């Protein structure tokens, strides 16, 4: 189910103060990067990801690959940073950026 516009605004407000948790560089979405993304999304629900690729078209392709991951929703994309969200059925109040935000 897509996230409402109001909810996305709330997430962008929370995401504004976050630092990127994962950086994706030249190797793209390797199995290790996907594992780290999944761990971060499970723990924090809302995360910033830095795309360290200088080519805009390559970054666009990478974003498309990211939103193909299970239940991942793109909240915002600004330059080389994207804000991703995936709901956790049992979020940890100490780790979840949504509950702490």
C-alpha atoms as a PDB file:
ATOM      1  CA  UNK A   1       0.000   0.000   0.000  1.00  0.00           C
ATOM      2  CA  UNK A   2       1.530   3.344  -1.016  1.00  0.00           C
ATOM      3  CA  UNK A   3       2.355   5.885   1.660  1.00  0.00           C
ATOM      4  CA  UNK A   4       0.159   8.993   1.812  1.00  0.00           C
ATOM      5  CA  UNK A   5       1.586  12.388   0.897  1.00  0.00           C
ATOM      6  CA  UNK A   6       1.173  13.611   4.495  1.00  0.00           C
ATOM      7  CA  UNK A   7       3.045  10.593   5.822  1.00  0.00           C
ATOM      8  CA  UNK A   8       5.850  11.172   3.298  1.00  0.00           C
ATOM      9  CA  UNK A   9       6.129  14.768   4.536  1.00  0.00           C
ATOM     10  CA  UNK A  10       6.492  13.488   8.100  1.00  0.00           C
ATOM     11  CA  UNK A  11       9.169  11.032   6.967  1.00  0.00           C
ATOM     12  CA  UNK A  12      11.075  13.766   5.094  1.00  0.00           C
ATOM     13  CA  UNK A  13      11.027  15.888   8.253  1.00  0.00           C
ATOM     14  CA  UNK A  14      12.454  12.985  10.273  1.00  0.00           C
ATOM     15  CA  UNK A  15      14.937  12.128   7.511  1.00  0.00           C
ATOM     16  CA  UNK A  16      16.286  15.674   7.350  1.00  0.00           C
ATOM     17  CA  UNK A  17      18.348  15.145  10.513  1.00  0.00           C
ATOM     18  CA  UNK A  18      19.524  11.618   9.645  1.00  0.00           C
ATOM     19  CA  UNK A  19      22.979  10.764   8.346  1.00  0.00           C
ATOM     20  CA  UNK A  20      23.466   8.205   5.570  1.00  0.00           C
ATOM     21  CA  UNK A  21      23.753   4.699   7.011  1.00  0.00           C
ATOM     22  CA  UNK A  22      24.774   2.904   3.826  1.00  0.00           C
ATOM     23  CA  UNK A  23      26.971   4.132   0.979  1.00  0.00           C
ATOM     24  CA  UNK A  24      26.686   2.454  -2.391  1.00  0.00           C
ATOM     25  CA  UNK A  25      29.815   2.902  -4.497  1.00  0.00           C
ATOM     26  CA  UNK A  26      31.173   1.512  -7.759  1.00  0.00           C
ATOM     27  CA  UNK A  27      30.222  -2.127  -7.158  1.00  0.00           C
ATOM     28  CA  UNK A  28      26.522  -1.251  -7.018  1.00  0.00           C
ATOM     29  CA  UNK A  29      24.102  -3.513  -5.219  1.00  0.00           C
ATOM     30  CA  UNK A  30      26.373  -6.392  -4.296  1.00  0.00           C
ATOM     31  CA  UNK A  31      25.002  -9.125  -2.013  1.00  0.00           C
ATOM     32  CA  UNK A  32      26.835  -7.568   0.945  1.00  0.00           C
ATOM     33  CA  UNK A  33      25.318  -4.136   0.271  1.00  0.00           C
ATOM     34  CA  UNK A  34      21.846  -5.647  -0.049  1.00  0.00           C
ATOM     35  CA  UNK A  35      22.339  -7.486   3.247  1.00  0.00           C
ATOM     36  CA  UNK A  36      23.417  -4.254   4.952  1.00  0.00           C
ATOM     37  CA  UNK A  37      20.470  -2.349   3.446  1.00  0.00           C
ATOM     38  CA  UNK A  38      18.047  -5.004   4.678  1.00  0.00           C
ATOM     39  CA  UNK A  39      19.575  -4.971   8.156  1.00  0.00           C
ATOM     40  CA  UNK A  40      19.425  -1.168   8.319  1.00  0.00           C
ATOM     41  CA  UNK A  41      15.825  -1.060   7.077  1.00  0.00           C
ATOM     42  CA  UNK A  42      14.792  -3.763   9.554  1.00  0.00           C
ATOM     43  CA  UNK A  43      16.434  -1.888  12.428  1.00  0.00           C
ATOM     44  CA  UNK A  44      15.677   1.727  11.560  1.00  0.00           C
ATOM     45  CA  UNK A  45      12.729   1.581   9.090  1.00  0.00           C
ATOM     46  CA  UNK A  46      13.672   4.989   7.626  1.00  0.00           C
ATOM     47  CA  UNK A  47      17.241   5.363   6.351  1.00  0.00           C
ATOM     48  CA  UNK A  48      19.374   7.618   4.209  1.00  0.00           C
ATOM     49  CA  UNK A  49      21.541   6.004   1.561  1.00  0.00           C
ATOM     50  CA  UNK A  50      24.421   7.792  -0.175  1.00  0.00           C
ATOM     51  CA  UNK A  51      24.974   6.938  -3.823  1.00  0.00           C
ATOM     52  CA  UNK A  52      28.685   7.531  -4.443  1.00  0.00           C
ATOM     53  CA  UNK A  53      28.400   7.310  -8.219  1.00  0.00           C
ATOM     54  CA  UNK A  54      29.286  10.449 -10.197  1.00  0.00           C
ATOM     55  CA  UNK A  55      26.999   9.677 -13.169  1.00  0.00           C
ATOM     56  CA  UNK A  56      23.391  10.841 -12.803  1.00  0.00           C
ATOM     57  CA  UNK A  57      22.022   8.100 -15.089  1.00  0.00           C
ATOM     58  CA  UNK A  58      23.820   5.411 -13.072  1.00  0.00           C
ATOM     59  CA  UNK A  59      22.324   6.826  -9.865  1.00  0.00           C
ATOM     60  CA  UNK A  60      18.832   6.777 -11.418  1.00  0.00           C
ATOM     61  CA  UNK A  61      19.284   3.108 -12.350  1.00  0.00           C
ATOM     62  CA  UNK A  62      20.509   2.366  -8.834  1.00  0.00           C
ATOM     63  CA  UNK A  63      17.455   4.043  -7.309  1.00  0.00           C
ATOM     64  CA  UNK A  64      15.232   1.881  -9.517  1.00  0.00           C
ATOM     65  CA  UNK A  65      17.057  -1.204  -8.256  1.00  0.00           C
ATOM     66  CA  UNK A  66      16.648  -0.050  -4.642  1.00  0.00           C
ATOM     67  CA  UNK A  67      12.891   0.361  -4.899  1.00  0.00           C
ATOM     68  CA  UNK A  68      12.649  -3.169  -6.323  1.00  0.00           C
ATOM     69  CA  UNK A  69      13.805  -4.549  -2.968  1.00  0.00           C
ATOM     70  CA  UNK A  70      10.915  -6.111  -0.990  1.00  0.00           C
ATOM     71  CA  UNK A  71       8.522  -3.497   0.481  1.00  0.00           C
ATOM     72  CA  UNK A  72      10.997  -0.617   0.059  1.00  0.00           C
ATOM     73  CA  UNK A  73       9.452   2.759  -0.647  1.00  0.00           C
ATOM     74  CA  UNK A  74      11.340   5.795  -1.956  1.00  0.00           C
ATOM     75  CA  UNK A  75      10.504   8.811   0.180  1.00  0.00           C
ATOM     76  CA  UNK A  76      12.908  11.370  -1.245  1.00  0.00           C
ATOM     77  CA  UNK A  77      15.791  11.668  -3.659  1.00  0.00           C
ATOM     78  CA  UNK A  78      18.071  14.699  -3.532  1.00  0.00           C
ATOM     79  CA  UNK A  79      21.312  14.638  -5.470  1.00  0.00           C
ATOM     80  CA  UNK A  80      23.360  11.676  -4.315  1.00  0.00           C
ATOM     81  CA  UNK A  81      21.225  10.878  -1.261  1.00  0.00           C
ATOM     82  CA  UNK A  82      17.988   8.888  -1.116  1.00  0.00           C
ATOM     83  CA  UNK A  83      15.609   8.399   1.785  1.00  0.00           C
ATOM     84  CA  UNK A  84      14.125   4.899   1.934  1.00  0.00           C
ATOM     85  CA  UNK A  85      11.383   3.436   4.104  1.00  0.00           C
ATOM     86  CA  UNK A  86      10.277  -0.090   4.905  1.00  0.00           C
ATOM     87  CA  UNK A  87       7.800  -0.765   7.687  1.00  0.00           C
ATOM     88  CA  UNK A  88       8.814  -3.230  10.376  1.00  0.00           C
ATOM     89  CA  UNK A  89       6.061  -5.348  11.937  1.00  0.00           C
ATOM     90  CA  UNK A  90       7.754  -5.194  15.351  1.00  0.00           C
ATOM     91  CA  UNK A  91       9.956  -2.074  15.384  1.00  0.00           C
ATOM     92  CA  UNK A  92      12.480  -1.656  18.160  1.00  0.00           C
ATOM     93  CA  UNK A  93      11.672   1.675  19.881  1.00  0.00           C
ATOM     94  CA  UNK A  94      15.383   2.221  20.574  1.00  0.00           C
ATOM     95  CA  UNK A  95      16.400   1.795  16.906  1.00  0.00           C
ATOM     96  CA  UNK A  96      13.423   2.869  14.796  1.00  0.00           C
ATOM     97  CA  UNK A  97      13.852   6.361  13.345  1.00  0.00           C
ATOM     98  CA  UNK A  98      10.061   6.571  12.999  1.00  0.00           C
ATOM     99  CA  UNK A  99       9.353   5.907  16.668  1.00  0.00           C
ATOM    100  CA  UNK A 100      12.250   8.081  17.836  1.00  0.00           C
ATOM    101  CA  UNK A 101      11.522  10.854  15.297  1.00  0.00           C
END
